[in-house]
Amino acid sequence: MNSRVEKKKHKKRKWLFWVGGIILALILVVGVFSIYVWNKLGDTVETMHNPLNRDNDPDRKKELESIFKDTKSVNILLLGVDERDGDKGRSDTMILLSLNPKTNSMKMLSIPRDTYVTIPGKGKDKINHAYAFGDVELSVQTVEENFDLPVHYYARVNMEGFEQGVDAIGGVTITNDTAFSQGGIQFPAGEIQLNGKEALSYIRMRKNDPRGDLGRNERQRAVIMAAINKGASFSSITKVGEILNILGDNVKTNLNMDAMQTLFSDYRGTRKNISSMEISGNGQRINNTWYYVVPDSEFNRITTEIKAHMNEK
């Protein structure tokens, strides 16, 4: 009788030993993986980090530090760039995000790439030419001066990297209002799932869109919002390294590690309440070049609306 009891106790101890060993092994794996991810994240952010020249100005540094310290509204300019061999390319996509953590809301302004503006030092031209003339620095300055709004941070994304990123998170789901085809791909109306190649083709179409650039901008916003939401809830740890590699190779930003952490912790809720903004204008030919001409009253409306959003409490 005693021998049977001892055998049961021995089996129980052995079972607990193996369960404990497995749990310990899992803890060690997670711990090592966490260290790897943290180190990899640090390396990626360092690779991505590309401050603007003016970021070195002491007053500018104080301004940026006070934004996150006091949890103020922050404006971020997204630039989607098509780079070509021997050509730095143009900003194919320009979106200004205004995040207000007090109201947990975000304004998303799409800027048509043919918008007729004054580019500092270059005169009147299409806004997307600012990138070709003076890279991110001039793009940021052009947006600030024409819209009379501060741009605190920027993120420049290579559009080919955007395609890879969408694939890495398993694609995105969006609702397509109008059926069309682009690049040999059919996009039916209704809810559709897009992989990276399809997403890039989807946001590039404009010639067959009755709304032209405005329709294209609307599709860009839809895909970006879907990607933001998918990325924020992404849980596949096996893909973390791949995603970080894609970011490091294709993104440049003046956000440093501390700023990114603060955005993630204090501003993440703004993605749940996004309102889109469009710029009203009309197409005109000036000196045989097609531009999207926006009246001063429209620039003033946008400035007033975004400033009001930034100051809401």
C-alpha atoms as a PDB file:
ATOM      1  CA  MET A   1       0.000   0.000   0.000  1.00  0.00           C
ATOM      2  CA  ASN A   2       2.800   2.391   0.987  1.00  0.00           C
ATOM      3  CA  SER A   3       4.727   1.565  -2.190  1.00  0.00           C
ATOM      4  CA  ARG A   4       1.724   2.531  -4.337  1.00  0.00           C
ATOM      5  CA  VAL A   5       1.395   5.852  -2.515  1.00  0.00           C
ATOM      6  CA  GLU A   6       5.120   6.519  -2.958  1.00  0.00           C
ATOM      7  CA  LYS A   7       4.885   5.744  -6.680  1.00  0.00           C
ATOM      8  CA  LYS A   8       1.970   8.173  -7.050  1.00  0.00           C
ATOM      9  CA  LYS A   9       3.899  10.871  -5.192  1.00  0.00           C
ATOM     10  CA  HIS A  10       6.950  10.202  -7.352  1.00  0.00           C
ATOM     11  CA  LYS A  11       4.901  10.483 -10.577  1.00  0.00           C
ATOM     12  CA  LYS A  12       3.306  13.720  -9.309  1.00  0.00           C
ATOM     13  CA  ARG A  13       6.716  15.183  -8.450  1.00  0.00           C
ATOM     14  CA  LYS A  14       8.034  14.112 -11.857  1.00  0.00           C
ATOM     15  CA  TRP A  15       5.021  15.671 -13.602  1.00  0.00           C
ATOM     16  CA  LEU A  16       5.468  18.941 -11.638  1.00  0.00           C
ATOM     17  CA  PHE A  17       9.170  18.879 -12.496  1.00  0.00           C
ATOM     18  CA  TRP A  18       8.460  18.678 -16.245  1.00  0.00           C
ATOM     19  CA  VAL A  19       5.666  21.282 -16.121  1.00  0.00           C
ATOM     20  CA  GLY A  20       7.917  23.590 -14.117  1.00  0.00           C
ATOM     21  CA  GLY A  21      10.735  23.009 -16.585  1.00  0.00           C
ATOM     22  CA  ILE A  22       8.521  23.858 -19.542  1.00  0.00           C
ATOM     23  CA  ILE A  23       7.249  27.028 -17.854  1.00  0.00           C
ATOM     24  CA  LEU A  24      10.794  28.050 -16.961  1.00  0.00           C
ATOM     25  CA  ALA A  25      11.911  27.431 -20.543  1.00  0.00           C
ATOM     26  CA  LEU A  26       9.036  29.568 -21.861  1.00  0.00           C
ATOM     27  CA  ILE A  27       9.929  32.377 -19.445  1.00  0.00           C
ATOM     28  CA  LEU A  28      13.539  32.231 -20.593  1.00  0.00           C
ATOM     29  CA  VAL A  29      12.529  32.233 -24.275  1.00  0.00           C
ATOM     30  CA  VAL A  30      10.183  35.194 -23.773  1.00  0.00           C
ATOM     31  CA  GLY A  31      12.852  37.004 -21.776  1.00  0.00           C
ATOM     32  CA  VAL A  32      15.516  36.452 -24.398  1.00  0.00           C
ATOM     33  CA  PHE A  33      13.064  37.380 -27.163  1.00  0.00           C
ATOM     34  CA  SER A  34      12.098  40.562 -25.288  1.00  0.00           C
ATOM     35  CA  ILE A  35      15.752  41.540 -24.991  1.00  0.00           C
ATOM     36  CA  TYR A  36      16.227  40.792 -28.693  1.00  0.00           C
ATOM     37  CA  VAL A  37      13.165  42.837 -29.652  1.00  0.00           C
ATOM     38  CA  TRP A  38      14.195  45.737 -27.417  1.00  0.00           C
ATOM     39  CA  ASN A  39      17.729  45.772 -28.827  1.00  0.00           C
ATOM     40  CA  LYS A  40      16.419  45.347 -32.362  1.00  0.00           C
ATOM     41  CA  LEU A  41      13.913  48.146 -31.810  1.00  0.00           C
ATOM     42  CA  GLY A  42      16.673  50.426 -30.583  1.00  0.00           C
ATOM     43  CA  ASP A  43      18.805  49.613 -33.639  1.00  0.00           C
ATOM     44  CA  THR A  44      15.840  50.184 -35.965  1.00  0.00           C
ATOM     45  CA  VAL A  45      14.919  53.541 -34.427  1.00  0.00           C
ATOM     46  CA  GLU A  46      18.546  54.634 -34.675  1.00  0.00           C
ATOM     47  CA  THR A  47      18.587  53.671 -38.362  1.00  0.00           C
ATOM     48  CA  MET A  48      15.305  55.494 -39.009  1.00  0.00           C
ATOM     49  CA  HIS A  49      16.190  58.601 -37.016  1.00  0.00           C
ATOM     50  CA  ASN A  50      16.971  61.522 -39.313  1.00  0.00           C
ATOM     51  CA  PRO A  51      16.522  64.921 -37.588  1.00  0.00           C
ATOM     52  CA  LEU A  52      15.730  68.062 -39.524  1.00  0.00           C
ATOM     53  CA  ASN A  53      18.427  70.746 -39.510  1.00  0.00           C
ATOM     54  CA  ARG A  54      16.255  73.019 -37.380  1.00  0.00           C
ATOM     55  CA  ASP A  55      15.774  70.290 -34.759  1.00  0.00           C
ATOM     56  CA  ASN A  56      19.219  71.250 -33.446  1.00  0.00           C
ATOM     57  CA  ASP A  57      18.007  74.758 -32.579  1.00  0.00           C
ATOM     58  CA  PRO A  58      17.703  75.126 -28.747  1.00  0.00           C
ATOM     59  CA  ASP A  59      14.301  76.840 -28.954  1.00  0.00           C
ATOM     60  CA  ARG A  60      13.027  74.121 -31.271  1.00  0.00           C
ATOM     61  CA  LYS A  61      14.222  71.417 -28.863  1.00  0.00           C
ATOM     62  CA  LYS A  62      12.383  73.087 -25.969  1.00  0.00           C
ATOM     63  CA  GLU A  63       9.226  73.331 -28.063  1.00  0.00           C
ATOM     64  CA  LEU A  64       9.265  69.620 -28.954  1.00  0.00           C
ATOM     65  CA  GLU A  65      10.091  68.566 -25.392  1.00  0.00           C
ATOM     66  CA  SER A  66       7.214  70.636 -23.979  1.00  0.00           C
ATOM     67  CA  ILE A  67       4.720  68.989 -26.361  1.00  0.00           C
ATOM     68  CA  PHE A  68       5.193  65.500 -24.933  1.00  0.00           C
ATOM     69  CA  LYS A  69       5.912  66.697 -21.378  1.00  0.00           C
ATOM     70  CA  ASP A  70       2.586  68.552 -21.207  1.00  0.00           C
ATOM     71  CA  THR A  71       0.748  66.116 -23.537  1.00  0.00           C
ATOM     72  CA  LYS A  72      -0.117  68.795 -26.104  1.00  0.00           C
ATOM     73  CA  SER A  73      -1.416  68.299 -29.623  1.00  0.00           C
ATOM     74  CA  VAL A  74       1.208  67.195 -32.131  1.00  0.00           C
ATOM     75  CA  ASN A  75       1.271  67.473 -35.932  1.00  0.00           C
ATOM     76  CA  ILE A  76       3.044  64.846 -38.045  1.00  0.00           C
ATOM     77  CA  LEU A  77       3.593  65.055 -41.803  1.00  0.00           C
ATOM     78  CA  LEU A  78       3.550  61.708 -43.629  1.00  0.00           C
ATOM     79  CA  LEU A  79       5.414  61.631 -46.926  1.00  0.00           C
ATOM     80  CA  GLY A  80       5.047  58.646 -49.235  1.00  0.00           C
ATOM     81  CA  VAL A  81       7.917  58.795 -51.710  1.00  0.00           C
ATOM     82  CA  ASP A  82       8.530  56.867 -54.920  1.00  0.00           C
ATOM     83  CA  GLU A  83      12.307  56.627 -55.250  1.00  0.00           C
ATOM     84  CA  ARG A  84      13.906  55.760 -58.565  1.00  0.00           C
ATOM     85  CA  ASP A  85      17.489  54.983 -59.589  1.00  0.00           C
ATOM     86  CA  GLY A  86      19.318  58.278 -60.101  1.00  0.00           C
ATOM     87  CA  ASP A  87      16.254  60.262 -58.992  1.00  0.00           C
ATOM     88  CA  LYS A  88      15.222  61.006 -55.411  1.00  0.00           C
ATOM     89  CA  GLY A  89      11.597  61.015 -56.624  1.00  0.00           C
ATOM     90  CA  ARG A  90       8.667  63.148 -55.503  1.00  0.00           C
ATOM     91  CA  SER A  91       6.316  62.953 -52.577  1.00  0.00           C
ATOM     92  CA  ASP A  92       3.574  60.844 -54.116  1.00  0.00           C
ATOM     93  CA  THR A  93       1.546  61.029 -50.894  1.00  0.00           C
ATOM     94  CA  MET A  94       1.291  63.913 -48.401  1.00  0.00           C
ATOM     95  CA  ILE A  95      -0.881  63.572 -45.316  1.00  0.00           C
ATOM     96  CA  LEU A  96      -0.850  65.854 -42.285  1.00  0.00           C
ATOM     97  CA  LEU A  97      -1.916  64.153 -39.052  1.00  0.00           C
ATOM     98  CA  SER A  98      -2.976  66.311 -36.103  1.00  0.00           C
ATOM     99  CA  LEU A  99      -3.249  64.282 -32.867  1.00  0.00           C
ATOM    100  CA  ASN A 100      -5.021  65.724 -29.817  1.00  0.00           C
ATOM    101  CA  PRO A 101      -4.540  63.445 -26.766  1.00  0.00           C
ATOM    102  CA  LYS A 102      -6.859  65.575 -24.611  1.00  0.00           C
ATOM    103  CA  THR A 103      -9.862  64.690 -26.782  1.00  0.00           C
ATOM    104  CA  ASN A 104      -8.416  61.397 -28.107  1.00  0.00           C
ATOM    105  CA  SER A 105      -9.055  62.535 -31.665  1.00  0.00           C
ATOM    106  CA  MET A 106      -7.109  62.876 -34.895  1.00  0.00           C
ATOM    107  CA  LYS A 107      -7.488  65.044 -37.979  1.00  0.00           C
ATOM    108  CA  MET A 108      -6.154  63.543 -41.200  1.00  0.00           C
ATOM    109  CA  LEU A 109      -5.598  66.057 -44.002  1.00  0.00           C
ATOM    110  CA  SER A 110      -4.740  64.699 -47.451  1.00  0.00           C
ATOM    111  CA  ILE A 111      -2.850  67.210 -49.595  1.00  0.00           C
ATOM    112  CA  PRO A 112      -3.259  66.611 -53.350  1.00  0.00           C
ATOM    113  CA  ARG A 113       0.195  66.323 -54.886  1.00  0.00           C
ATOM    114  CA  ASP A 114      -0.611  68.829 -57.676  1.00  0.00           C
ATOM    115  CA  THR A 115      -1.739  71.557 -55.248  1.00  0.00           C
ATOM    116  CA  TYR A 116      -0.541  74.956 -56.502  1.00  0.00           C
ATOM    117  CA  VAL A 117       1.481  76.565 -53.713  1.00  0.00           C
ATOM    118  CA  THR A 118       4.442  78.819 -53.073  1.00  0.00           C
ATOM    119  CA  ILE A 119       7.567  76.742 -52.476  1.00  0.00           C
ATOM    120  CA  PRO A 120      10.046  78.836 -50.439  1.00  0.00           C
ATOM    121  CA  GLY A 121      12.914  79.954 -52.644  1.00  0.00           C
ATOM    122  CA  LYS A 122      11.381  78.364 -55.740  1.00  0.00           C
ATOM    123  CA  GLY A 123       8.150  80.246 -56.395  1.00  0.00           C
ATOM    124  CA  LYS A 124       4.809  78.809 -57.492  1.00  0.00           C
ATOM    125  CA  ASP A 125       4.737  75.101 -58.273  1.00  0.00           C
ATOM    126  CA  LYS A 126       3.128  71.757 -57.397  1.00  0.00           C
ATOM    127  CA  ILE A 127       3.512  70.961 -53.714  1.00  0.00           C
ATOM    128  CA  ASN A 128       5.022  67.541 -54.387  1.00  0.00           C
ATOM    129  CA  HIS A 129       7.929  69.208 -56.211  1.00  0.00           C
ATOM    130  CA  ALA A 130       9.133  70.588 -52.867  1.00  0.00           C
ATOM    131  CA  TYR A 131      10.594  67.179 -52.074  1.00  0.00           C
ATOM    132  CA  ALA A 132      12.472  67.054 -55.394  1.00  0.00           C
ATOM    133  CA  PHE A 133      13.852  70.559 -54.804  1.00  0.00           C
ATOM    134  CA  GLY A 134      14.830  70.259 -51.158  1.00  0.00           C
ATOM    135  CA  ASP A 135      13.952  66.869 -49.693  1.00  0.00           C
ATOM    136  CA  VAL A 136      12.013  66.598 -46.414  1.00  0.00           C
ATOM    137  CA  GLU A 137      13.265  69.949 -45.094  1.00  0.00           C
ATOM    138  CA  LEU A 138      11.623  71.914 -47.902  1.00  0.00           C
ATOM    139  CA  SER A 139       8.483  69.741 -47.894  1.00  0.00           C
ATOM    140  CA  VAL A 140       7.913  70.494 -44.198  1.00  0.00           C
ATOM    141  CA  GLN A 141       8.622  74.215 -44.663  1.00  0.00           C
ATOM    142  CA  THR A 142       6.268  74.388 -47.658  1.00  0.00           C
ATOM    143  CA  VAL A 143       3.382  72.803 -45.729  1.00  0.00           C
ATOM    144  CA  GLU A 144       3.984  75.051 -42.708  1.00  0.00           C
ATOM    145  CA  GLU A 145       4.071  78.296 -44.687  1.00  0.00           C
ATOM    146  CA  ASN A 146       1.146  77.584 -47.006  1.00  0.00           C
ATOM    147  CA  PHE A 147      -1.170  76.228 -44.325  1.00  0.00           C
ATOM    148  CA  ASP A 148       0.117  78.420 -41.474  1.00  0.00           C
ATOM    149  CA  LEU A 149       0.395  75.329 -39.248  1.00  0.00           C
ATOM    150  CA  PRO A 150       3.319  73.884 -37.291  1.00  0.00           C
ATOM    151  CA  VAL A 151       4.774  70.541 -38.357  1.00  0.00           C
ATOM    152  CA  HIS A 152       6.461  69.034 -35.305  1.00  0.00           C
ATOM    153  CA  TYR A 153       7.515  65.698 -36.759  1.00  0.00           C
ATOM    154  CA  TYR A 154       7.632  63.915 -40.069  1.00  0.00           C
ATOM    155  CA  ALA A 155       7.800  60.330 -41.315  1.00  0.00           C
ATOM    156  CA  ARG A 156       9.048  59.662 -44.840  1.00  0.00           C
ATOM    157  CA  VAL A 157       8.082  56.240 -46.200  1.00  0.00           C
ATOM    158  CA  ASN A 158       9.397  54.582 -49.335  1.00  0.00           C
ATOM    159  CA  MET A 159       6.256  53.302 -51.066  1.00  0.00           C
ATOM    160  CA  GLU A 160       7.883  49.960 -51.893  1.00  0.00           C
ATOM    161  CA  GLY A 161       8.493  49.549 -48.178  1.00  0.00           C
ATOM    162  CA  PHE A 162       4.826  50.310 -47.575  1.00  0.00           C
ATOM    163  CA  GLU A 163       3.988  47.317 -49.752  1.00  0.00           C
ATOM    164  CA  GLN A 164       6.299  45.074 -47.724  1.00  0.00           C
ATOM    165  CA  GLY A 165       4.871  46.400 -44.457  1.00  0.00           C
ATOM    166  CA  VAL A 166       1.277  45.597 -45.444  1.00  0.00           C
ATOM    167  CA  ASP A 167       2.338  42.048 -46.308  1.00  0.00           C
ATOM    168  CA  ALA A 168       4.165  41.692 -42.978  1.00  0.00           C
ATOM    169  CA  ILE A 169       1.035  42.469 -40.933  1.00  0.00           C
ATOM    170  CA  GLY A 170      -1.039  40.041 -42.995  1.00  0.00           C
ATOM    171  CA  GLY A 171      -2.748  42.543 -45.294  1.00  0.00           C
ATOM    172  CA  VAL A 172      -5.507  45.055 -44.612  1.00  0.00           C
ATOM    173  CA  THR A 173      -9.278  45.052 -44.956  1.00  0.00           C
ATOM    174  CA  ILE A 174     -11.039  48.110 -46.379  1.00  0.00           C
ATOM    175  CA  THR A 175     -14.436  49.018 -47.821  1.00  0.00           C
ATOM    176  CA  ASN A 176     -14.219  49.962 -51.495  1.00  0.00           C
ATOM    177  CA  ASP A 177     -16.974  52.292 -52.716  1.00  0.00           C
ATOM    178  CA  THR A 178     -16.431  51.963 -56.477  1.00  0.00           C
ATOM    179  CA  ALA A 179     -15.347  48.904 -58.456  1.00  0.00           C
ATOM    180  CA  PHE A 180     -12.352  49.438 -60.738  1.00  0.00           C
ATOM    181  CA  SER A 181      -9.235  47.773 -62.116  1.00  0.00           C
ATOM    182  CA  GLN A 182      -5.657  48.986 -61.818  1.00  0.00           C
ATOM    183  CA  GLY A 183      -2.408  47.373 -62.894  1.00  0.00           C
ATOM    184  CA  GLY A 184      -4.225  44.199 -63.948  1.00  0.00           C
ATOM    185  CA  ILE A 185      -5.882  43.843 -60.514  1.00  0.00           C
ATOM    186  CA  GLN A 186      -9.662  43.903 -60.057  1.00  0.00           C
ATOM    187  CA  PHE A 187     -11.060  45.797 -57.059  1.00  0.00           C
ATOM    188  CA  PRO A 188     -14.773  44.970 -56.576  1.00  0.00           C
ATOM    189  CA  ALA A 189     -17.065  47.211 -54.557  1.00  0.00           C
ATOM    190  CA  GLY A 190     -17.615  46.274 -50.912  1.00  0.00           C
ATOM    191  CA  GLU A 191     -15.330  44.910 -48.228  1.00  0.00           C
ATOM    192  CA  ILE A 192     -12.054  43.643 -49.699  1.00  0.00           C
ATOM    193  CA  GLN A 193      -8.816  42.201 -48.344  1.00  0.00           C
ATOM    194  CA  LEU A 194      -5.612  43.644 -49.807  1.00  0.00           C
ATOM    195  CA  ASN A 195      -2.070  42.313 -49.736  1.00  0.00           C
ATOM    196  CA  GLY A 196       0.887  44.685 -50.112  1.00  0.00           C
ATOM    197  CA  LYS A 197       0.981  44.779 -53.921  1.00  0.00           C
ATOM    198  CA  GLU A 198      -2.788  45.217 -54.129  1.00  0.00           C
ATOM    199  CA  ALA A 199      -2.797  47.966 -51.482  1.00  0.00           C
ATOM    200  CA  LEU A 200      -0.115  49.931 -53.338  1.00  0.00           C
ATOM    201  CA  SER A 201      -1.989  49.591 -56.643  1.00  0.00           C
ATOM    202  CA  TYR A 202      -5.258  50.520 -54.903  1.00  0.00           C
ATOM    203  CA  ILE A 203      -3.929  53.830 -53.536  1.00  0.00           C
ATOM    204  CA  ARG A 204      -2.188  54.818 -56.775  1.00  0.00           C
ATOM    205  CA  MET A 205      -5.201  54.756 -59.092  1.00  0.00           C
ATOM    206  CA  ARG A 206      -6.562  58.185 -60.039  1.00  0.00           C
ATOM    207  CA  LYS A 207      -7.003  58.428 -63.833  1.00  0.00           C
ATOM    208  CA  ASN A 208     -10.183  56.319 -63.819  1.00  0.00           C
ATOM    209  CA  ASP A 209     -11.533  57.921 -60.652  1.00  0.00           C
ATOM    210  CA  PRO A 210     -14.281  60.504 -61.331  1.00  0.00           C
ATOM    211  CA  ARG A 211     -12.937  62.483 -58.353  1.00  0.00           C
ATOM    212  CA  GLY A 212      -9.336  62.341 -59.533  1.00  0.00           C
ATOM    213  CA  ASP A 213      -6.806  63.086 -56.817  1.00  0.00           C
ATOM    214  CA  LEU A 214      -9.537  63.546 -54.193  1.00  0.00           C
ATOM    215  CA  GLY A 215     -10.738  59.975 -54.722  1.00  0.00           C
ATOM    216  CA  ARG A 216      -7.150  58.759 -54.671  1.00  0.00           C
ATOM    217  CA  ASN A 217      -6.509  60.625 -51.414  1.00  0.00           C
ATOM    218  CA  GLU A 218      -9.611  59.061 -49.878  1.00  0.00           C
ATOM    219  CA  ARG A 219      -8.307  55.576 -50.728  1.00  0.00           C
ATOM    220  CA  GLN A 220      -4.906  56.461 -49.283  1.00  0.00           C
ATOM    221  CA  ARG A 221      -6.506  57.525 -46.001  1.00  0.00           C
ATOM    222  CA  ALA A 222      -8.586  54.334 -45.858  1.00  0.00           C
ATOM    223  CA  VAL A 223      -5.568  52.050 -46.361  1.00  0.00           C
ATOM    224  CA  ILE A 224      -3.378  54.003 -43.916  1.00  0.00           C
ATOM    225  CA  MET A 225      -6.081  53.948 -41.238  1.00  0.00           C
ATOM    226  CA  ALA A 226      -6.552  50.195 -41.760  1.00  0.00           C
ATOM    227  CA  ALA A 227      -2.778  49.658 -41.510  1.00  0.00           C
ATOM    228  CA  ILE A 228      -2.553  51.787 -38.335  1.00  0.00           C
ATOM    229  CA  ASN A 229      -5.348  49.823 -36.670  1.00  0.00           C
ATOM    230  CA  LYS A 230      -3.963  46.466 -37.807  1.00  0.00           C
ATOM    231  CA  GLY A 231      -0.458  47.385 -36.671  1.00  0.00           C
ATOM    232  CA  ALA A 232      -1.659  48.663 -33.279  1.00  0.00           C
ATOM    233  CA  SER A 233      -3.350  45.331 -32.505  1.00  0.00           C
ATOM    234  CA  PHE A 234      -0.804  43.114 -34.240  1.00  0.00           C
ATOM    235  CA  SER A 235       0.134  40.147 -32.046  1.00  0.00           C
ATOM    236  CA  SER A 236       2.366  37.854 -34.132  1.00  0.00           C
ATOM    237  CA  ILE A 237       5.711  37.909 -32.314  1.00  0.00           C
ATOM    238  CA  THR A 238       7.258  35.821 -35.094  1.00  0.00           C
ATOM    239  CA  LYS A 239       6.851  38.769 -37.466  1.00  0.00           C
ATOM    240  CA  VAL A 240       8.374  41.427 -35.179  1.00  0.00           C
ATOM    241  CA  GLY A 241      11.920  41.080 -36.512  1.00  0.00           C
ATOM    242  CA  GLU A 242      10.704  41.190 -40.120  1.00  0.00           C
ATOM    243  CA  ILE A 243       8.585  44.299 -39.498  1.00  0.00           C
ATOM    244  CA  LEU A 244      11.459  46.086 -37.777  1.00  0.00           C
ATOM    245  CA  ASN A 245      13.758  45.272 -40.725  1.00  0.00           C
ATOM    246  CA  ILE A 246      11.196  46.716 -43.149  1.00  0.00           C
ATOM    247  CA  LEU A 247      10.840  49.879 -41.081  1.00  0.00           C
ATOM    248  CA  GLY A 248      14.596  50.331 -40.794  1.00  0.00           C
ATOM    249  CA  ASP A 249      15.107  49.987 -44.541  1.00  0.00           C
ATOM    250  CA  ASN A 250      12.230  52.186 -45.687  1.00  0.00           C
ATOM    251  CA  VAL A 251      11.353  54.836 -43.088  1.00  0.00           C
ATOM    252  CA  LYS A 252      13.067  58.049 -42.055  1.00  0.00           C
ATOM    253  CA  THR A 253      11.755  60.247 -39.240  1.00  0.00           C
ATOM    254  CA  ASN A 254      12.865  62.862 -36.727  1.00  0.00           C
ATOM    255  CA  LEU A 255      11.025  60.973 -33.978  1.00  0.00           C
ATOM    256  CA  ASN A 256      13.511  59.460 -31.525  1.00  0.00           C
ATOM    257  CA  MET A 257      12.978  56.486 -29.217  1.00  0.00           C
ATOM    258  CA  ASP A 258      11.527  58.531 -26.332  1.00  0.00           C
ATOM    259  CA  ALA A 259       9.137  60.376 -28.651  1.00  0.00           C
ATOM    260  CA  MET A 260       7.916  57.112 -30.195  1.00  0.00           C
ATOM    261  CA  GLN A 261       7.323  55.591 -26.770  1.00  0.00           C
ATOM    262  CA  THR A 262       5.329  58.648 -25.695  1.00  0.00           C
ATOM    263  CA  LEU A 263       3.273  58.579 -28.871  1.00  0.00           C
ATOM    264  CA  PHE A 264       2.477  54.911 -28.290  1.00  0.00           C
ATOM    265  CA  SER A 265       1.538  55.360 -24.620  1.00  0.00           C
ATOM    266  CA  ASP A 266      -0.168  58.774 -24.552  1.00  0.00           C
ATOM    267  CA  TYR A 267      -1.465  59.328 -28.090  1.00  0.00           C
ATOM    268  CA  ARG A 268      -2.555  55.829 -29.139  1.00  0.00           C
ATOM    269  CA  GLY A 269      -6.210  56.549 -28.333  1.00  0.00           C
ATOM    270  CA  THR A 270      -6.417  59.219 -31.042  1.00  0.00           C
ATOM    271  CA  ARG A 271      -6.626  56.530 -33.739  1.00  0.00           C
ATOM    272  CA  LYS A 272     -10.109  55.571 -32.512  1.00  0.00           C
ATOM    273  CA  ASN A 273     -11.616  58.919 -33.487  1.00  0.00           C
ATOM    274  CA  ILE A 274     -10.244  59.964 -36.892  1.00  0.00           C
ATOM    275  CA  SER A 275     -11.909  62.600 -39.052  1.00  0.00           C
ATOM    276  CA  SER A 276     -10.730  63.118 -42.628  1.00  0.00           C
ATOM    277  CA  MET A 277     -10.298  66.491 -44.277  1.00  0.00           C
ATOM    278  CA  GLU A 278     -10.265  67.327 -47.975  1.00  0.00           C
ATOM    279  CA  ILE A 279      -9.029  70.423 -49.795  1.00  0.00           C
ATOM    280  CA  SER A 280     -11.551  71.993 -52.171  1.00  0.00           C
ATOM    281  CA  GLY A 281     -10.135  73.477 -55.357  1.00  0.00           C
ATOM    282  CA  ASN A 282     -10.241  73.076 -59.107  1.00  0.00           C
ATOM    283  CA  GLY A 283      -7.943  71.889 -61.862  1.00  0.00           C
ATOM    284  CA  GLN A 284      -6.413  74.566 -64.064  1.00  0.00           C
ATOM    285  CA  ARG A 285      -3.759  74.734 -66.761  1.00  0.00           C
ATOM    286  CA  ILE A 286      -1.138  77.381 -66.109  1.00  0.00           C
ATOM    287  CA  ASN A 287       1.647  77.718 -68.692  1.00  0.00           C
ATOM    288  CA  ASN A 288       0.605  74.356 -70.168  1.00  0.00           C
ATOM    289  CA  THR A 289       0.958  72.579 -66.787  1.00  0.00           C
ATOM    290  CA  TRP A 290      -1.996  71.139 -64.878  1.00  0.00           C
ATOM    291  CA  TYR A 291      -2.339  72.294 -61.247  1.00  0.00           C
ATOM    292  CA  TYR A 292      -4.868  71.888 -58.450  1.00  0.00           C
ATOM    293  CA  VAL A 293      -5.648  75.504 -57.562  1.00  0.00           C
ATOM    294  CA  VAL A 294      -6.920  76.189 -54.041  1.00  0.00           C
ATOM    295  CA  PRO A 295      -8.403  79.577 -53.083  1.00  0.00           C
ATOM    296  CA  ASP A 296      -7.042  81.481 -50.069  1.00  0.00           C
ATOM    297  CA  SER A 297     -10.389  81.076 -48.307  1.00  0.00           C
ATOM    298  CA  GLU A 298      -9.932  77.276 -48.408  1.00  0.00           C
ATOM    299  CA  PHE A 299      -6.430  77.454 -46.987  1.00  0.00           C
ATOM    300  CA  ASN A 300      -7.814  79.680 -44.207  1.00  0.00           C
ATOM    301  CA  ARG A 301     -10.660  77.227 -43.488  1.00  0.00           C
ATOM    302  CA  ILE A 302      -8.262  74.324 -43.095  1.00  0.00           C
ATOM    303  CA  THR A 303      -5.918  76.343 -40.885  1.00  0.00           C
ATOM    304  CA  THR A 304      -8.784  77.450 -38.640  1.00  0.00           C
ATOM    305  CA  GLU A 305     -10.227  73.933 -38.328  1.00  0.00           C
ATOM    306  CA  ILE A 306      -6.939  72.234 -37.465  1.00  0.00           C
ATOM    307  CA  LYS A 307      -5.895  74.964 -34.995  1.00  0.00           C
ATOM    308  CA  ALA A 308      -9.300  74.673 -33.276  1.00  0.00           C
ATOM    309  CA  HIS A 309      -8.815  70.894 -33.075  1.00  0.00           C
ATOM    310  CA  MET A 310      -5.327  71.335 -31.575  1.00  0.00           C
ATOM    311  CA  ASN A 311      -6.682  73.627 -28.849  1.00  0.00           C
ATOM    312  CA  GLU A 312      -9.680  71.503 -27.847  1.00  0.00           C
ATOM    313  CA  LYS A 313      -9.654  70.180 -24.259  1.00  0.00           C
END
